[in-house]
Protein backbone atom coordinates (compact mmCIF):
# COMPACT_ATOMS: atom_id res chain seq x y z
CA GLU A 1 29.60 -26.70 -4.98
CA MET A 2 27.74 -28.27 -7.76
CA ASP A 3 24.74 -28.04 -5.76
CA ASP A 4 24.67 -24.28 -5.47
CA ILE A 5 25.78 -23.80 -9.10
CA LEU A 6 22.68 -25.50 -9.94
CA ARG A 7 20.52 -23.90 -7.53
CA LYS A 8 17.64 -21.76 -8.89
CA LYS A 9 17.62 -18.17 -7.33
CA THR A 10 15.18 -15.66 -7.30
CA VAL A 11 15.38 -11.74 -6.47
CA VAL A 12 12.35 -9.36 -5.81
CA ILE A 13 13.00 -5.90 -5.50
CA GLY A 14 10.09 -3.53 -4.80
CA LEU A 15 9.89 -0.36 -5.15
CA ASP A 16 6.71 1.05 -3.18
CA GLY A 17 4.16 3.20 -5.08
CA THR A 18 6.17 3.66 -8.07
CA PRO A 19 3.71 3.99 -11.15
CA TYR A 20 4.29 1.96 -14.22
CA SER A 21 3.74 5.23 -16.10
CA LEU A 22 6.51 6.72 -14.09
CA ILE A 23 9.07 3.63 -14.85
CA GLN A 24 8.32 4.20 -18.63
CA LYS A 25 9.09 8.00 -18.32
CA LEU A 26 12.10 7.55 -16.62
CA THR A 27 13.58 4.86 -18.93
CA GLN A 28 12.32 6.68 -22.09
CA GLN A 29 14.36 9.92 -20.68
CA GLY A 30 17.58 8.08 -19.79
CA VAL A 31 17.15 8.74 -16.40
CA CYS A 32 17.35 5.04 -15.37
CA PRO A 33 19.98 3.88 -17.52
CA ASN A 34 20.19 0.04 -15.24
CA LEU A 35 16.11 0.08 -15.89
CA SER A 36 16.27 1.00 -19.27
CA ARG A 37 18.93 -2.12 -20.10
CA LEU A 38 16.67 -4.41 -18.02
CA LEU A 39 13.70 -3.49 -20.00
CA SER A 40 15.45 -4.29 -23.10
CA ILE A 41 16.11 -8.14 -22.01
CA GLY A 42 12.69 -8.65 -20.16
CA SER A 43 9.03 -7.62 -19.92
CA LEU A 44 7.34 -4.92 -18.10
CA ARG A 45 3.88 -4.34 -17.41
CA GLU A 46 1.06 -2.40 -15.83
CA MET A 47 -0.27 -4.10 -12.39
CA LYS A 48 -3.39 -3.48 -10.30
CA SER A 49 -3.03 -3.32 -6.85
CA THR A 50 -5.35 -4.23 -4.08
CA HIS A 51 -8.62 -2.62 -3.01
CA PRO A 52 -7.57 -0.70 -1.00
CA PRO A 53 -4.52 0.20 -2.25
CA VAL A 54 -2.87 0.84 0.81
CA SER A 55 1.02 -0.57 1.35
CA SER A 56 -0.19 -2.68 4.35
CA VAL A 57 -2.95 -4.80 2.55
CA ALA A 58 -0.85 -4.78 -0.80
CA TRP A 59 2.49 -6.32 0.39
CA SER A 60 0.49 -8.78 2.52
CA SER A 61 -1.37 -9.50 -0.61
CA PHE A 62 2.07 -10.06 -2.37
CA MET A 63 3.66 -11.98 0.55
CA THR A 64 0.57 -14.28 0.77
CA GLY A 65 -0.26 -14.45 -2.82
CA VAL A 66 -3.92 -14.38 -1.90
CA ASN A 67 -6.80 -11.55 -1.05
CA PRO A 68 -7.78 -9.77 1.60
CA ALA A 69 -10.41 -11.84 2.62
CA LYS A 70 -7.91 -14.72 3.02
CA HIS A 71 -5.09 -12.78 4.67
CA GLY A 72 -7.49 -11.00 6.67
CA ILE A 73 -5.59 -7.57 6.47
CA PHE A 74 -8.37 -4.66 5.27
CA GLY A 75 -6.32 -1.60 5.65
CA PHE A 76 -3.76 0.14 7.43
CA SER A 77 -6.13 -0.06 10.46
CA ASP A 78 -8.90 -2.89 11.07
CA ARG A 79 -12.37 -3.25 13.31
CA ILE A 80 -12.20 -5.30 15.90
CA PRO A 81 -14.82 -7.73 15.16
CA HIS A 82 -18.18 -7.10 17.19
CA THR A 83 -16.64 -3.69 18.33
CA TYR A 84 -16.20 -0.06 17.30
CA ASP A 85 -12.71 -0.52 18.54
CA VAL A 86 -9.49 -0.35 15.77
CA TYR A 87 -6.10 -2.11 15.74
CA TYR A 88 -3.09 -1.58 13.57
CA PRO A 89 -2.42 -4.78 12.13
CA ASN A 90 1.23 -6.29 12.01
CA SER A 91 2.72 -9.42 10.95
CA SER A 92 0.66 -11.66 14.01
CA HIS A 93 -2.74 -10.67 12.50
CA VAL A 94 -1.46 -11.98 8.57
CA MET A 95 -3.40 -15.44 8.39
CA SER A 96 -2.14 -16.77 5.52
CA THR A 97 1.56 -18.16 4.59
CA PRO A 98 4.09 -15.91 3.55
CA ILE A 99 5.83 -17.39 0.87
CA TRP A 100 9.52 -17.51 2.66
CA ASN A 101 7.70 -19.84 4.83
CA ILE A 102 6.26 -21.75 1.91
CA LEU A 103 9.75 -22.15 0.78
CA GLY A 104 11.01 -23.11 4.03
CA LYS A 105 8.68 -26.23 3.62
CA TYR A 106 10.77 -27.42 0.73
CA ASN A 107 14.11 -26.67 2.82
CA LYS A 108 14.55 -22.97 0.34
CA ARG A 109 16.17 -20.28 2.48
CA SER A 110 15.01 -16.80 2.07
CA ILE A 111 16.30 -13.12 2.60
CA VAL A 112 13.31 -10.68 3.50
CA ILE A 113 14.42 -7.09 3.51
CA ASN A 114 11.66 -4.26 4.29
CA VAL A 115 8.70 -5.75 3.44
CA PRO A 116 5.73 -4.31 4.95
CA SER A 117 3.65 -5.63 8.01
CA THR A 118 6.43 -8.10 8.82
CA TYR A 119 6.93 -6.50 12.30
CA PRO A 120 7.47 -8.10 14.53
CA ALA A 121 9.85 -10.55 12.98
CA SER A 122 8.51 -13.96 13.25
CA GLU A 123 11.09 -17.19 13.26
CA MET A 124 11.65 -18.53 9.47
CA ASN A 125 14.38 -20.45 6.88
CA GLY A 126 16.83 -17.38 6.60
CA ILE A 127 16.79 -13.56 7.62
CA LEU A 128 14.08 -11.00 7.81
CA ILE A 129 14.36 -7.09 8.73
CA ALA A 130 10.98 -6.24 9.13
CA GLY A 131 9.69 -3.11 7.29
CA PHE A 132 7.03 -0.49 8.05
CA VAL A 133 5.79 -0.24 10.66
CA ALA A 134 8.42 -1.63 12.36
CA ILE A 135 9.62 0.35 15.82
CA ASP A 136 12.40 -1.84 17.49
CA LEU A 137 15.45 -3.06 15.72
CA ALA A 138 16.06 -6.00 17.91
CA ARG A 139 11.96 -7.25 17.23
CA ALA A 140 12.27 -6.39 13.74
CA SER A 141 15.13 -8.53 12.95
CA PHE A 142 15.30 -12.45 12.97
CA PRO A 143 17.61 -14.05 13.96
CA THR A 144 18.27 -11.04 16.41
CA SER A 145 21.84 -12.15 16.05
CA ILE A 146 22.13 -9.93 12.91
CA VAL A 147 21.02 -6.51 15.27
CA PRO A 148 25.04 -5.92 15.73
CA THR A 149 25.66 -5.63 12.19
CA LEU A 150 22.73 -3.50 11.31
CA LYS A 151 23.59 -1.03 14.28
CA GLU A 152 27.36 -0.93 12.89
CA MET A 153 26.18 -0.20 9.53
CA GLY A 154 23.58 2.61 10.80
CA TYR A 155 20.56 0.76 9.52
CA LYS A 156 17.44 2.89 9.14
CA ILE A 157 14.29 1.47 9.26
CA ASP A 158 12.57 4.18 7.99
CA VAL A 159 12.40 7.45 6.51
CA GLU A 160 11.45 10.06 9.37
CA THR A 161 8.76 11.89 7.70
CA GLN A 162 8.03 14.16 10.53
CA LEU A 163 11.22 16.11 9.28
CA ILE A 164 8.77 17.91 6.80
CA HIS A 165 7.92 20.00 9.42
CA GLU A 166 11.48 21.20 9.93
CA SER A 167 12.04 21.54 6.30
CA LYS A 168 11.32 19.97 2.99
CA ASP A 169 15.17 19.98 2.32
CA LYS A 170 16.06 17.90 5.69
CA LEU A 171 13.32 15.47 4.74
CA PHE A 172 15.00 14.96 1.12
CA ASP A 173 18.60 14.24 3.15
CA ASP A 174 17.03 11.98 5.43
CA LEU A 175 15.39 10.36 1.97
CA PHE A 176 18.82 9.71 0.24
CA LEU A 177 20.11 8.56 3.64
CA THR A 178 17.87 6.10 4.02
CA LEU A 179 18.19 4.84 0.76
CA GLU A 180 21.75 4.46 0.95
CA LYS A 181 21.56 2.34 4.07
CA ARG A 182 18.80 0.24 2.45
CA THR A 183 20.99 -0.38 -0.52
CA GLN A 184 23.88 -1.32 1.76
CA ALA A 185 21.98 -4.00 4.24
CA ILE A 186 20.41 -5.37 0.83
CA LEU A 187 23.93 -6.06 -0.84
CA HIS A 188 25.50 -6.98 2.38
CA PHE A 189 22.97 -9.73 2.88
CA MET A 190 22.96 -10.42 -0.85
CA LYS A 191 27.02 -10.87 -1.00
CA ASN A 192 27.51 -12.73 2.06
CA GLU A 193 24.30 -15.20 3.12
CA VAL A 194 23.28 -18.21 1.04
CA TRP A 195 19.92 -17.72 -0.67
CA ASP A 196 17.08 -19.17 -2.96
CA LEU A 197 14.65 -16.14 -2.51
CA PHE A 198 15.86 -12.27 -1.94
CA ILE A 199 13.29 -9.77 -1.66
CA GLY A 200 14.47 -6.16 -0.80
CA ILE A 201 11.82 -3.61 -0.71
CA PHE A 202 12.53 0.14 -1.24
CA THR A 203 9.39 1.95 0.79
CA GLU A 204 11.55 5.30 0.19
CA THR A 205 10.09 5.59 -3.26
CA ASP A 206 6.56 5.90 -1.52
CA ARG A 207 7.63 8.42 1.00
CA LEU A 208 9.32 10.58 -1.82
CA HIS A 209 6.10 10.39 -3.54
CA HIS A 210 4.12 11.62 -0.75
CA PHE A 211 5.58 14.86 -0.41
CA PHE A 212 7.15 15.71 -3.35
CA TRP A 213 5.03 14.35 -6.49
CA GLU A 214 3.34 17.44 -7.23
CA PHE A 215 6.53 19.25 -7.28
CA ALA A 216 7.60 16.66 -10.01
CA GLU A 217 4.72 17.31 -11.68
CA ARG A 218 4.90 20.84 -12.23
CA ASN A 219 8.67 20.89 -12.96
CA ASP A 220 9.58 22.80 -9.80
CA PRO A 221 13.19 24.48 -9.83
CA LYS A 222 14.46 23.00 -7.08
CA TYR A 223 12.41 19.90 -5.96
CA SER A 224 11.83 18.28 -9.65
CA PRO A 225 15.51 18.04 -10.44
CA LEU A 226 15.90 16.07 -7.00
CA PHE A 227 13.17 13.86 -7.27
CA LEU A 228 14.93 12.72 -10.82
CA ASP A 229 18.47 12.80 -8.44
CA TYR A 230 16.68 10.32 -6.11
CA TYR A 231 15.40 7.73 -9.12
CA LYS A 232 19.00 7.95 -10.56
CA LYS A 233 20.33 6.98 -7.20
CA ILE A 234 17.32 4.37 -7.10
CA ASP A 235 18.87 2.87 -10.58
CA ALA A 236 22.25 2.87 -9.19
CA SER A 237 21.24 0.80 -6.62
CA ILE A 238 19.77 -1.38 -9.04
CA GLY A 239 22.69 -1.65 -10.72
CA LYS A 240 24.58 -2.60 -7.86
CA ILE A 241 22.32 -5.37 -7.24
CA MET A 242 22.77 -6.35 -11.16
CA GLU A 243 26.01 -6.83 -10.60
CA ASN A 244 25.68 -9.58 -7.78
CA ILE A 245 23.15 -11.72 -9.59
CA ASP A 246 23.92 -14.17 -12.67
CA ASN A 247 22.04 -14.41 -15.87
CA ASP A 248 20.06 -17.85 -14.54
CA THR A 249 18.70 -15.73 -11.82
CA THR A 250 15.13 -14.87 -12.19
CA LEU A 251 14.90 -10.93 -11.37
CA ILE A 252 11.34 -9.46 -10.39
CA LEU A 253 10.58 -5.69 -9.79
CA LEU A 254 7.45 -4.46 -8.63
CA SER A 255 5.64 -1.80 -7.26
CA ASP A 256 2.47 -2.40 -4.56
CA HIS A 257 0.78 0.61 -5.94
CA GLY A 258 0.49 3.24 -8.17
CA PHE A 259 0.60 7.18 -7.60
CA CYS A 260 -0.51 10.45 -8.57
CA THR A 261 -0.84 14.17 -7.65
CA LEU A 262 -3.47 14.92 -4.76
CA LYS A 263 -5.82 17.38 -5.77
CA GLN A 264 -8.17 17.09 -2.41
CA GLU A 265 -8.39 14.88 0.41
CA VAL A 266 -12.34 13.70 0.81
CA TYR A 267 -13.94 13.24 3.92
CA ILE A 268 -16.70 10.76 3.42
CA ASN A 269 -17.93 10.18 7.05
CA HIS A 270 -18.70 14.03 6.40
CA TRP A 271 -20.93 13.22 3.01
CA LEU A 272 -22.19 10.10 5.09
CA LYS A 273 -23.75 12.72 7.90
CA GLU A 274 -24.70 15.18 5.54
CA GLU A 275 -27.18 12.56 3.74
CA GLY A 276 -28.41 11.79 7.40
CA LEU A 277 -26.80 8.08 7.39
CA LEU A 278 -24.53 9.12 10.38
CA ASN A 279 -24.82 10.84 13.15
CA PHE A 280 -22.95 11.28 16.70
CA LYS A 281 -23.76 11.03 20.51
CA THR A 282 -20.87 14.18 21.12
CA ALA A 283 -19.71 17.09 19.15
CA PRO A 284 -17.40 16.75 18.18
CA PRO A 285 -16.91 12.96 17.81
CA LYS A 286 -13.54 11.63 18.35
CA SER A 287 -13.90 7.87 17.13
CA LEU A 288 -16.09 5.39 16.51
CA PHE A 289 -17.56 4.82 19.85
CA HIS A 290 -19.27 8.34 19.37
CA ILE A 291 -21.70 6.97 16.49
CA GLY A 292 -25.33 7.68 17.51
CA ASP A 293 -28.41 5.54 17.64
CA GLY A 294 -29.76 5.11 13.93
CA SER A 295 -26.66 5.66 12.22
CA LYS A 296 -26.90 3.43 9.54
CA ALA A 297 -23.18 3.42 7.86
CA TYR A 298 -19.40 4.93 8.82
CA CYS A 299 -16.39 5.12 6.92
CA MET A 300 -12.46 3.97 7.61
CA ASP A 301 -9.50 4.55 5.74
CA PRO A 302 -9.42 5.08 2.90
CA GLY A 303 -13.03 4.73 1.59
CA ARG A 304 -14.15 1.45 3.41
CA ILE A 305 -17.65 1.83 4.18
CA TYR A 306 -19.10 -0.31 6.59
CA ILE A 307 -23.11 -0.94 7.09
CA ASN A 308 -23.90 -0.37 10.72
CA LEU A 309 -25.44 -3.91 11.02
CA LYS A 310 -27.71 -5.33 13.53
CA GLY A 311 -25.90 -8.60 14.73
CA ARG A 312 -22.39 -7.36 13.93
CA GLU A 313 -21.92 -4.04 14.90
CA PRO A 314 -22.76 -3.20 18.62
CA ASN A 315 -25.61 -0.78 18.06
CA GLY A 316 -26.28 -1.67 14.62
CA CYS A 317 -29.94 -0.75 13.44
CA VAL A 318 -29.83 -2.09 9.48
CA GLU A 319 -31.58 -5.39 9.34
CA PRO A 320 -29.46 -8.08 7.19
CA GLY A 321 -31.02 -9.19 4.07
CA ASN A 322 -33.34 -6.88 1.62
CA ASP A 323 -32.46 -3.40 4.14
CA TYR A 324 -29.03 -3.94 3.42
CA GLU A 325 -28.97 -4.49 0.01
CA GLN A 326 -31.22 -1.89 -0.54
CA LEU A 327 -29.00 0.80 1.46
CA ARG A 328 -25.89 -0.42 -0.12
CA ASP A 329 -27.59 0.43 -3.07
CA THR A 330 -28.94 3.81 -2.38
CA ILE A 331 -25.40 4.75 -0.84
CA ILE A 332 -24.03 3.82 -4.50
CA SER A 333 -26.35 5.55 -6.46
CA ARG A 334 -25.74 8.66 -4.56
CA LEU A 335 -22.22 8.77 -3.95
CA ILE A 336 -21.20 8.22 -7.37
CA LYS A 337 -22.54 11.45 -8.32
CA LEU A 338 -20.50 13.45 -5.94
CA LYS A 339 -18.78 16.10 -7.64
CA ASP A 340 -15.93 18.40 -6.51
CA PRO A 341 -18.11 21.84 -6.44
CA ALA A 342 -14.42 23.87 -7.60
CA THR A 343 -14.37 21.93 -10.65
CA GLN A 344 -17.97 19.91 -11.20
CA THR A 345 -15.71 16.70 -12.13
CA ASN A 346 -16.55 13.35 -10.29
CA ILE A 347 -14.76 12.25 -7.28
CA ILE A 348 -15.38 8.70 -7.59
CA ASP A 349 -14.32 6.25 -10.39
CA ARG A 350 -16.07 3.04 -8.96
CA ILE A 351 -17.58 1.55 -5.97
CA HIS A 352 -17.26 -1.96 -5.19
CA LYS A 353 -19.59 -4.10 -3.19
CA ARG A 354 -17.60 -6.61 -0.73
CA GLU A 355 -18.91 -9.60 -2.58
CA GLU A 356 -17.30 -8.65 -6.45
CA ILE A 357 -13.46 -8.10 -4.74
CA TYR A 358 -13.16 -10.34 -1.50
CA HIS A 359 -13.46 -14.11 -1.34
CA GLY A 360 -12.32 -16.15 1.94
CA LYS A 361 -12.42 -17.00 5.23
CA TYR A 362 -12.64 -13.76 6.50
CA PHE A 363 -14.86 -12.42 4.60
CA ASP A 364 -17.19 -11.06 6.96
CA ARG A 365 -14.57 -8.53 8.40
CA SER A 366 -14.50 -7.19 5.03
CA PRO A 367 -16.12 -3.46 4.39
CA ASP A 368 -19.57 -3.62 3.02
CA LEU A 369 -18.18 -1.12 0.19
CA VAL A 370 -14.93 0.14 -1.09
CA ILE A 371 -15.07 3.50 -2.85
CA GLU A 372 -12.27 3.60 -5.86
CA PRO A 373 -11.99 7.21 -6.45
CA LYS A 374 -10.85 9.29 -9.39
CA HIS A 375 -7.17 10.11 -9.67
CA GLY A 376 -6.34 13.16 -7.36
CA TYR A 377 -9.13 12.45 -4.77
CA ASP A 378 -7.62 10.57 -1.29
CA LEU A 379 -10.47 9.23 0.50
CA LYS A 380 -10.34 9.66 4.51
CA GLY A 381 -11.71 8.08 7.43
CA ALA A 382 -11.42 10.71 9.48
CA ILE A 383 -14.66 10.43 12.02
CA TYR A 384 -15.38 14.25 12.08
CA LYS A 385 -14.36 17.03 9.67
CA GLU A 386 -16.03 20.32 9.06
CA ALA A 387 -16.26 20.28 5.32
CA LEU A 388 -16.31 17.76 3.02
CA LEU A 389 -12.56 18.53 1.24
CA SER A 390 -9.31 19.70 2.47
CA LYS A 391 -5.62 19.55 1.33
CA GLY A 392 -3.03 18.89 4.09
CA ASN A 393 0.97 18.10 3.66
CA PHE A 394 0.75 15.14 1.15
CA SER A 395 0.77 16.23 -2.56
CA GLY A 396 0.93 12.57 -3.87
CA MET A 397 -1.70 9.71 -3.45
CA HIS A 398 -1.82 5.75 -4.18
CA THR A 399 -3.94 4.42 -7.31
CA TYR A 400 -5.27 1.15 -7.46
CA ASP A 401 -4.29 1.02 -11.24
CA ASP A 402 -0.48 1.86 -12.63
CA ALA A 403 1.53 -0.25 -10.32
CA PHE A 404 4.13 -2.30 -12.12
CA VAL A 405 5.84 -5.65 -12.67
CA TYR A 406 9.06 -6.25 -14.36
CA ILE A 407 10.63 -9.72 -15.05
CA ASN A 408 13.73 -10.63 -16.81
CA HIS A 409 11.65 -12.74 -19.14
CA ASN A 410 10.43 -11.71 -22.44
CA ASN A 411 7.02 -14.34 -21.94
CA ILE A 412 4.30 -13.11 -20.25
CA ILE A 413 1.38 -15.21 -20.72
CA LYS A 414 -1.18 -13.54 -18.55
CA HIS A 415 -3.27 -10.28 -19.10
CA PRO A 416 -4.17 -8.41 -16.75
CA ILE A 417 -1.74 -8.97 -13.81
CA GLU A 418 -2.68 -8.20 -10.20
CA ILE A 419 -0.32 -8.34 -7.57
CA THR A 420 -0.92 -11.73 -6.12
CA ASP A 421 0.22 -13.21 -9.36
CA VAL A 422 3.98 -12.33 -8.49
CA THR A 423 3.67 -14.84 -5.57
CA ALA A 424 2.68 -17.74 -7.83
CA THR A 425 5.39 -16.62 -10.09
CA VAL A 426 7.97 -16.43 -7.92
CA LEU A 427 7.29 -19.70 -6.55
CA ALA A 428 7.09 -21.25 -10.19
CA SER A 429 10.64 -19.61 -10.46
CA LEU A 430 11.78 -21.93 -7.89
CA ASP A 431 9.77 -25.15 -9.16
CA ILE A 432 7.99 -24.77 -6.09
CA PRO A 433 4.06 -26.14 -6.38
CA ILE A 434 1.59 -23.28 -6.49
CA PRO A 435 -0.90 -24.25 -3.48
CA GLY A 436 -4.27 -24.46 -4.24
CA ASN A 437 -5.89 -21.84 -2.26
CA MET A 438 -3.65 -18.92 -3.93
CA ASP A 439 -5.43 -16.51 -5.55
CA GLY A 440 -2.75 -15.55 -8.13
CA LYS A 441 -1.72 -17.77 -11.18
CA ASN A 442 1.99 -17.84 -12.56
CA PHE A 443 2.21 -15.00 -15.34
CA VAL A 444 5.47 -16.62 -17.48
CA LYS A 445 6.13 -19.18 -19.81
CA TRP A 446 9.14 -20.92 -18.24
CA ASN A 447 11.30 -22.48 -20.80
């Protein structure tokens, strides 16, 4: 009994893709009273995501505390080394130890609900219900003995985004239902299990933003109020979570990236083709296999450029060393000038060379360049498109900046904060030493 009272506890709640600027706006406007109450007793900070700012990469960095060259996840899809083949990374491809396994070594128990890139669920000390891209509930659950409980409550792994093809309203209904089920599961395991660390991620916010961000931003008479209602419900869920934790519990809230209105999708392979750096054996090409001889570079989602390097790519033609360096510099100097023909504004904000942002054992797998676009320009790795720009179903896109982190302490000591720092702070909150290979640093002074 005494042991449980003295037991340090930490709760981490993720709001996938919720921007720092949006949290500020919603709390200032009184839309989210529970969040407002939390802000009055703790610290809210802007946080940087990962390059690129996609959920699989960012949550992998959160769960391991390391950059992609150490955990091995560089995108939603990745290249199989020395081929033009692509695979979709899952939990078995995460090459660094997740925080709950670090804690397991210290006999600490974790409950982990809906973290992307944790499927299929692996054995751990506690309970894990995998998130995106989990398909099968049994393979998403550890231990599998929790499956009947989840089925009984009608647990939903994710929002059925294909409902957008039927109607926006059907998608909104499913957004609300998924949120309700997620909250129910979080509260169930929070109340009925013993734990030192509790992690619950709401990925529904990301889905909401992809389809409805622009409607909210331009005050659409129907969907802007629904967007705010959704955040009221999120806030109510946070309120229920707060009822189940005491003042001694460390509470951290975070998002894995920011969000903004999507103006245009930008097809970088189209640009590479126009610049004479990429050609194809077949028309129209269907995959990277159709890259033609003499192609010097190609792009994968979202703006990861790979040089077609001799000795690395099957048909690589660019010599390592001087040729490689010159080609990267040429691509950077030309691509940075890319403008939106309609507005004459720049499309690209910055282009990072791999060695500026990645370091670690899997560095050789990293893209040679990572493009960071201006807000509004969503970079795409589609192999073949007739034009540079287009607009699809999405009305919102991810951003590298404007993610947020909140902690119920007033002594934040580190600036700027990156997502890997959250991992270090979680360990510090439970008095666990931060491993030497971790890239993140604890950002709070503990009393």
